[in-house]
N, C-alpha and C. Protein backbone atom coordinates (compact mmCIF):
# COMPACT_ATOMS: atom_id res chain seq x y z
N UNK A 1 64.79 -6.90 -26.88
CA UNK A 1 63.41 -6.67 -26.31
C UNK A 1 62.92 -5.43 -27.27
N UNK A 2 61.64 -5.38 -27.49
CA UNK A 2 60.98 -4.17 -28.04
C UNK A 2 60.71 -3.20 -27.09
N UNK A 3 60.41 -2.03 -27.57
CA UNK A 3 59.98 -0.93 -26.61
C UNK A 3 58.76 -1.27 -25.86
N UNK A 4 57.86 -1.97 -26.37
CA UNK A 4 56.68 -2.40 -25.71
C UNK A 4 57.01 -3.40 -24.60
N UNK A 5 57.91 -4.41 -24.87
CA UNK A 5 58.30 -5.32 -23.88
C UNK A 5 59.08 -4.65 -22.79
N UNK A 6 59.89 -3.70 -23.13
CA UNK A 6 60.60 -2.92 -22.09
C UNK A 6 59.62 -2.17 -21.24
N UNK A 7 58.65 -1.57 -21.86
CA UNK A 7 57.66 -0.80 -20.89
C UNK A 7 56.92 -1.68 -20.04
N UNK A 8 56.52 -2.80 -20.61
CA UNK A 8 55.77 -3.84 -19.79
C UNK A 8 56.68 -4.39 -18.54
N UNK A 9 57.87 -4.58 -18.95
CA UNK A 9 58.86 -5.09 -17.84
C UNK A 9 59.08 -3.94 -16.84
N UNK A 10 59.12 -2.72 -17.19
CA UNK A 10 59.34 -1.68 -16.32
C UNK A 10 58.11 -1.46 -15.42
N UNK A 11 56.87 -1.60 -16.10
CA UNK A 11 55.60 -1.49 -15.23
C UNK A 11 55.55 -2.57 -14.28
N UNK A 12 55.81 -3.75 -14.64
CA UNK A 12 55.83 -4.91 -13.71
C UNK A 12 56.83 -4.66 -12.51
N UNK A 13 57.96 -4.22 -12.80
CA UNK A 13 59.09 -3.94 -11.86
C UNK A 13 58.51 -2.75 -10.82
N UNK A 14 57.93 -1.77 -11.54
CA UNK A 14 57.34 -0.77 -10.68
C UNK A 14 56.23 -1.18 -9.68
N UNK A 15 55.46 -2.07 -10.29
CA UNK A 15 54.40 -2.62 -9.42
C UNK A 15 54.87 -3.47 -8.37
N UNK A 16 56.02 -4.21 -8.65
CA UNK A 16 56.52 -5.04 -7.53
C UNK A 16 57.32 -4.25 -6.50
N UNK A 17 57.87 -3.14 -6.98
CA UNK A 17 58.69 -2.22 -6.08
C UNK A 17 57.77 -1.44 -5.17
N UNK A 18 56.72 -0.83 -5.70
CA UNK A 18 56.02 0.09 -4.96
C UNK A 18 54.59 -0.39 -4.47
N UNK A 19 54.27 -1.62 -4.94
CA UNK A 19 52.91 -2.11 -4.78
C UNK A 19 52.09 -1.67 -5.93
N UNK A 20 51.05 -2.11 -6.11
CA UNK A 20 50.23 -1.74 -7.31
C UNK A 20 49.09 -0.85 -6.95
N UNK A 21 48.99 0.27 -7.64
CA UNK A 21 47.86 1.13 -7.55
C UNK A 21 47.02 0.89 -8.85
N UNK A 22 45.77 1.34 -8.93
CA UNK A 22 44.93 1.19 -10.15
C UNK A 22 45.60 1.64 -11.45
N UNK A 23 46.28 2.83 -11.38
CA UNK A 23 46.82 3.28 -12.66
C UNK A 23 47.90 2.44 -13.20
N UNK A 24 48.79 1.90 -12.32
CA UNK A 24 49.87 0.98 -12.70
C UNK A 24 49.22 -0.34 -13.28
N UNK A 25 48.26 -0.77 -12.57
CA UNK A 25 47.66 -2.02 -12.94
C UNK A 25 47.00 -2.00 -14.35
N UNK A 26 46.22 -0.83 -14.55
CA UNK A 26 45.67 -0.56 -15.85
C UNK A 26 46.72 -0.47 -16.94
N UNK A 27 47.83 0.17 -16.63
CA UNK A 27 48.87 0.37 -17.56
C UNK A 27 49.52 -0.98 -18.00
N UNK A 28 49.70 -1.88 -16.99
CA UNK A 28 50.24 -3.22 -17.20
C UNK A 28 49.23 -3.96 -18.19
N UNK A 29 47.93 -3.95 -17.82
CA UNK A 29 47.00 -4.70 -18.57
C UNK A 29 47.00 -4.09 -20.04
N UNK A 30 47.00 -2.85 -20.27
CA UNK A 30 46.95 -2.18 -21.50
C UNK A 30 48.13 -2.58 -22.35
N UNK A 31 49.42 -2.52 -21.72
CA UNK A 31 50.61 -2.81 -22.41
C UNK A 31 50.69 -4.39 -22.84
N UNK A 32 50.20 -5.21 -21.89
CA UNK A 32 50.23 -6.61 -22.09
C UNK A 32 49.22 -6.91 -23.16
N UNK A 33 48.13 -6.32 -23.24
CA UNK A 33 47.11 -6.56 -24.35
C UNK A 33 47.66 -6.10 -25.66
N UNK A 34 48.33 -4.91 -25.73
CA UNK A 34 48.79 -4.52 -27.05
C UNK A 34 49.96 -5.39 -27.57
N UNK A 35 50.89 -5.80 -26.61
CA UNK A 35 51.99 -6.66 -27.03
C UNK A 35 51.39 -8.02 -27.46
N UNK A 36 50.41 -8.50 -26.68
CA UNK A 36 49.79 -9.81 -27.21
C UNK A 36 49.05 -9.71 -28.61
N UNK A 37 48.42 -8.54 -28.83
CA UNK A 37 47.82 -8.36 -30.19
C UNK A 37 48.84 -8.30 -31.14
N UNK A 38 49.94 -7.61 -30.96
CA UNK A 38 51.09 -7.46 -31.93
C UNK A 38 51.59 -8.90 -32.26
N UNK A 39 51.77 -9.61 -31.17
CA UNK A 39 52.21 -11.09 -31.47
C UNK A 39 51.32 -11.75 -32.21
N UNK A 40 50.06 -11.69 -31.98
CA UNK A 40 49.08 -12.56 -32.76
C UNK A 40 49.09 -12.08 -34.24
N UNK A 41 49.11 -10.75 -34.50
CA UNK A 41 49.15 -10.27 -35.79
C UNK A 41 50.52 -10.70 -36.53
N UNK A 42 51.54 -10.70 -35.85
CA UNK A 42 52.82 -11.31 -36.39
C UNK A 42 52.61 -12.80 -36.76
N UNK A 43 52.08 -13.57 -35.98
CA UNK A 43 51.89 -14.98 -36.22
C UNK A 43 50.89 -15.28 -37.33
N UNK A 44 50.07 -14.34 -37.52
CA UNK A 44 49.08 -14.41 -38.78
C UNK A 44 49.62 -13.79 -39.94
N UNK A 45 50.81 -13.27 -39.92
CA UNK A 45 51.46 -12.58 -40.97
C UNK A 45 50.72 -11.29 -41.40
N UNK A 46 50.07 -10.63 -40.44
CA UNK A 46 49.38 -9.44 -40.75
C UNK A 46 50.02 -8.24 -39.90
N UNK A 47 51.21 -8.41 -39.57
CA UNK A 47 51.95 -7.27 -38.83
C UNK A 47 52.72 -6.38 -39.74
N UNK A 48 52.61 -6.55 -40.98
CA UNK A 48 53.54 -5.66 -41.79
C UNK A 48 52.61 -4.59 -42.49
N UNK A 49 53.25 -3.83 -43.41
CA UNK A 49 52.69 -2.70 -43.97
C UNK A 49 51.61 -3.06 -45.00
N UNK A 50 51.66 -4.34 -45.53
CA UNK A 50 50.70 -4.82 -46.58
C UNK A 50 49.51 -5.46 -45.80
N UNK A 51 49.46 -5.48 -44.67
CA UNK A 51 48.26 -6.22 -44.00
C UNK A 51 46.91 -5.62 -44.25
N UNK A 52 46.85 -4.23 -44.30
CA UNK A 52 45.60 -3.63 -44.53
C UNK A 52 45.14 -3.94 -45.84
N UNK A 53 45.95 -3.90 -46.90
CA UNK A 53 45.62 -4.21 -48.22
C UNK A 53 45.14 -5.70 -48.38
N UNK A 54 45.86 -6.59 -47.58
CA UNK A 54 45.49 -7.92 -47.64
C UNK A 54 44.07 -8.25 -47.11
N UNK A 55 43.82 -7.51 -45.88
CA UNK A 55 42.57 -7.55 -45.30
C UNK A 55 41.35 -6.93 -46.17
N UNK A 56 41.70 -5.89 -46.84
CA UNK A 56 40.71 -5.26 -47.71
C UNK A 56 40.40 -6.22 -48.93
N UNK A 57 41.42 -6.96 -49.40
CA UNK A 57 41.36 -7.85 -50.58
C UNK A 57 40.49 -9.01 -50.06
N UNK A 58 40.68 -9.53 -48.85
CA UNK A 58 39.94 -10.63 -48.37
C UNK A 58 38.42 -10.21 -48.18
N UNK A 59 38.19 -9.04 -47.62
CA UNK A 59 36.83 -8.51 -47.59
C UNK A 59 36.13 -8.42 -48.91
N UNK A 60 36.85 -7.95 -49.93
CA UNK A 60 36.31 -7.88 -51.30
C UNK A 60 35.90 -9.20 -51.81
N UNK A 61 36.80 -10.22 -51.62
CA UNK A 61 36.70 -11.61 -52.06
C UNK A 61 35.51 -12.23 -51.33
N UNK A 62 35.34 -11.92 -49.94
CA UNK A 62 34.18 -12.47 -49.29
C UNK A 62 32.90 -11.86 -49.70
N UNK A 63 32.92 -10.59 -50.00
CA UNK A 63 31.74 -9.88 -50.46
C UNK A 63 31.34 -10.42 -51.89
N UNK A 64 32.26 -10.67 -52.79
CA UNK A 64 31.95 -11.35 -54.07
C UNK A 64 31.43 -12.64 -53.97
N UNK A 65 32.02 -13.43 -52.97
CA UNK A 65 31.42 -14.80 -52.66
C UNK A 65 29.94 -14.66 -52.30
N UNK A 66 29.75 -13.87 -51.38
CA UNK A 66 28.33 -13.67 -50.89
C UNK A 66 27.39 -13.28 -51.94
N UNK A 67 27.86 -12.42 -52.80
CA UNK A 67 26.89 -11.99 -53.91
C UNK A 67 26.76 -13.07 -54.90
N UNK A 68 27.75 -13.88 -55.19
CA UNK A 68 27.73 -15.00 -56.05
C UNK A 68 26.74 -15.98 -55.50
N UNK A 69 26.86 -16.36 -54.25
CA UNK A 69 25.99 -17.33 -53.54
C UNK A 69 24.55 -16.88 -53.56
N UNK A 70 24.37 -15.52 -53.43
CA UNK A 70 22.96 -15.09 -53.30
C UNK A 70 22.35 -15.21 -54.88
N UNK A 71 23.23 -14.89 -55.84
CA UNK A 71 22.72 -14.93 -57.21
C UNK A 71 22.39 -16.42 -57.57
N UNK A 72 23.15 -17.40 -57.09
CA UNK A 72 22.90 -18.71 -57.44
C UNK A 72 21.60 -19.19 -56.77
N UNK A 73 21.39 -18.78 -55.58
CA UNK A 73 20.11 -19.13 -54.90
C UNK A 73 18.89 -18.50 -55.52
N UNK A 74 19.07 -17.28 -56.02
CA UNK A 74 17.96 -16.62 -56.77
C UNK A 74 17.65 -17.34 -58.04
N UNK A 75 18.71 -17.71 -58.77
CA UNK A 75 18.56 -18.49 -60.06
C UNK A 75 17.95 -19.73 -59.87
N UNK A 76 18.32 -20.60 -58.87
CA UNK A 76 17.68 -21.80 -58.56
C UNK A 76 16.24 -21.71 -58.19
N UNK A 77 15.96 -20.81 -57.36
CA UNK A 77 14.56 -20.54 -57.05
C UNK A 77 13.72 -20.07 -58.26
N UNK A 78 14.28 -19.23 -59.11
CA UNK A 78 13.56 -18.81 -60.38
C UNK A 78 13.29 -19.99 -61.28
N UNK A 79 14.29 -20.86 -61.36
CA UNK A 79 14.08 -22.01 -62.28
C UNK A 79 13.07 -22.95 -61.69
N UNK A 80 13.11 -23.11 -60.40
CA UNK A 80 12.15 -24.01 -59.70
C UNK A 80 10.67 -23.51 -59.86
N UNK A 81 10.54 -22.18 -59.84
CA UNK A 81 9.26 -21.57 -60.01
C UNK A 81 8.75 -21.66 -61.50
N UNK A 82 9.72 -21.53 -62.42
CA UNK A 82 9.40 -21.71 -63.89
C UNK A 82 8.87 -23.12 -64.18
N UNK A 83 9.76 -24.08 -63.62
CA UNK A 83 9.42 -25.48 -63.78
C UNK A 83 7.96 -25.81 -63.16
N UNK A 84 7.67 -25.26 -61.99
CA UNK A 84 6.38 -25.52 -61.39
C UNK A 84 5.32 -25.01 -62.19
N UNK A 85 5.52 -23.74 -62.75
CA UNK A 85 4.55 -23.10 -63.63
C UNK A 85 4.26 -23.92 -64.86
N UNK A 86 5.34 -24.41 -65.57
CA UNK A 86 5.32 -25.27 -66.73
C UNK A 86 4.58 -26.45 -66.40
N UNK A 87 4.81 -27.20 -65.31
CA UNK A 87 4.05 -28.38 -65.02
C UNK A 87 2.51 -28.03 -64.74
N UNK A 88 2.33 -27.00 -64.22
CA UNK A 88 0.98 -26.56 -63.87
C UNK A 88 0.19 -26.24 -65.16
N UNK A 89 0.90 -25.59 -66.20
CA UNK A 89 0.23 -25.35 -67.43
C UNK A 89 0.02 -26.65 -68.18
N UNK A 90 0.94 -27.49 -68.15
CA UNK A 90 0.90 -28.83 -68.82
C UNK A 90 -0.38 -29.61 -68.24
N UNK A 91 -0.49 -29.55 -66.86
CA UNK A 91 -1.56 -30.27 -66.17
C UNK A 91 -2.94 -29.57 -66.58
N UNK A 92 -3.00 -28.31 -66.67
CA UNK A 92 -4.18 -27.69 -67.14
C UNK A 92 -4.50 -28.13 -68.52
N UNK A 93 -3.55 -27.99 -69.52
CA UNK A 93 -3.80 -28.51 -70.88
C UNK A 93 -4.24 -29.86 -70.95
N UNK A 94 -3.70 -30.83 -70.21
CA UNK A 94 -4.17 -32.15 -70.21
C UNK A 94 -5.58 -32.25 -69.68
N UNK A 95 -5.79 -31.48 -68.61
CA UNK A 95 -7.16 -31.44 -68.03
C UNK A 95 -8.27 -31.05 -68.97
N UNK A 96 -7.94 -30.02 -69.68
CA UNK A 96 -8.81 -29.38 -70.64
C UNK A 96 -8.84 -30.17 -71.96
N UNK A 97 -8.15 -31.21 -72.08
CA UNK A 97 -8.05 -31.98 -73.32
C UNK A 97 -7.56 -31.12 -74.52
N UNK A 98 -6.48 -30.37 -74.42
CA UNK A 98 -6.10 -29.46 -75.37
C UNK A 98 -5.54 -30.33 -76.53
N UNK A 99 -4.82 -31.41 -76.33
CA UNK A 99 -4.30 -32.27 -77.42
C UNK A 99 -5.45 -32.85 -78.36
N UNK A 100 -6.65 -33.05 -77.75
CA UNK A 100 -7.77 -33.43 -78.51
C UNK A 100 -8.29 -32.35 -79.39
N UNK A 101 -8.43 -31.15 -78.75
CA UNK A 101 -8.77 -29.94 -79.50
C UNK A 101 -7.97 -29.63 -80.71
N UNK A 102 -6.70 -29.89 -80.60
CA UNK A 102 -5.67 -29.60 -81.69
C UNK A 102 -5.82 -30.58 -82.91
N UNK A 103 -6.50 -31.62 -82.75
CA UNK A 103 -6.55 -32.62 -83.82
C UNK A 103 -7.53 -32.16 -84.81
């Protein structure tokens, strides 16, 4: 058993033997929460010394993905606006008979 598990077992034994007061109950909840959080981190393989670096790297990757996605949308909108403007200019040129004027 780990130190946390030992402490939690001791607190539960104390609560069973003496009855529970608010301080003991809070200590049990706190230790159980921390023990559960450690188990989850271990299951996700984030419980070692490299975990912070991995999380930082994932955040950088996510940030880059968001920036790329934003750039793509801006480029698509820009090209759509350019296409609409080109169509508008072509329509105006046809309406004014510009091809006839150039002959």
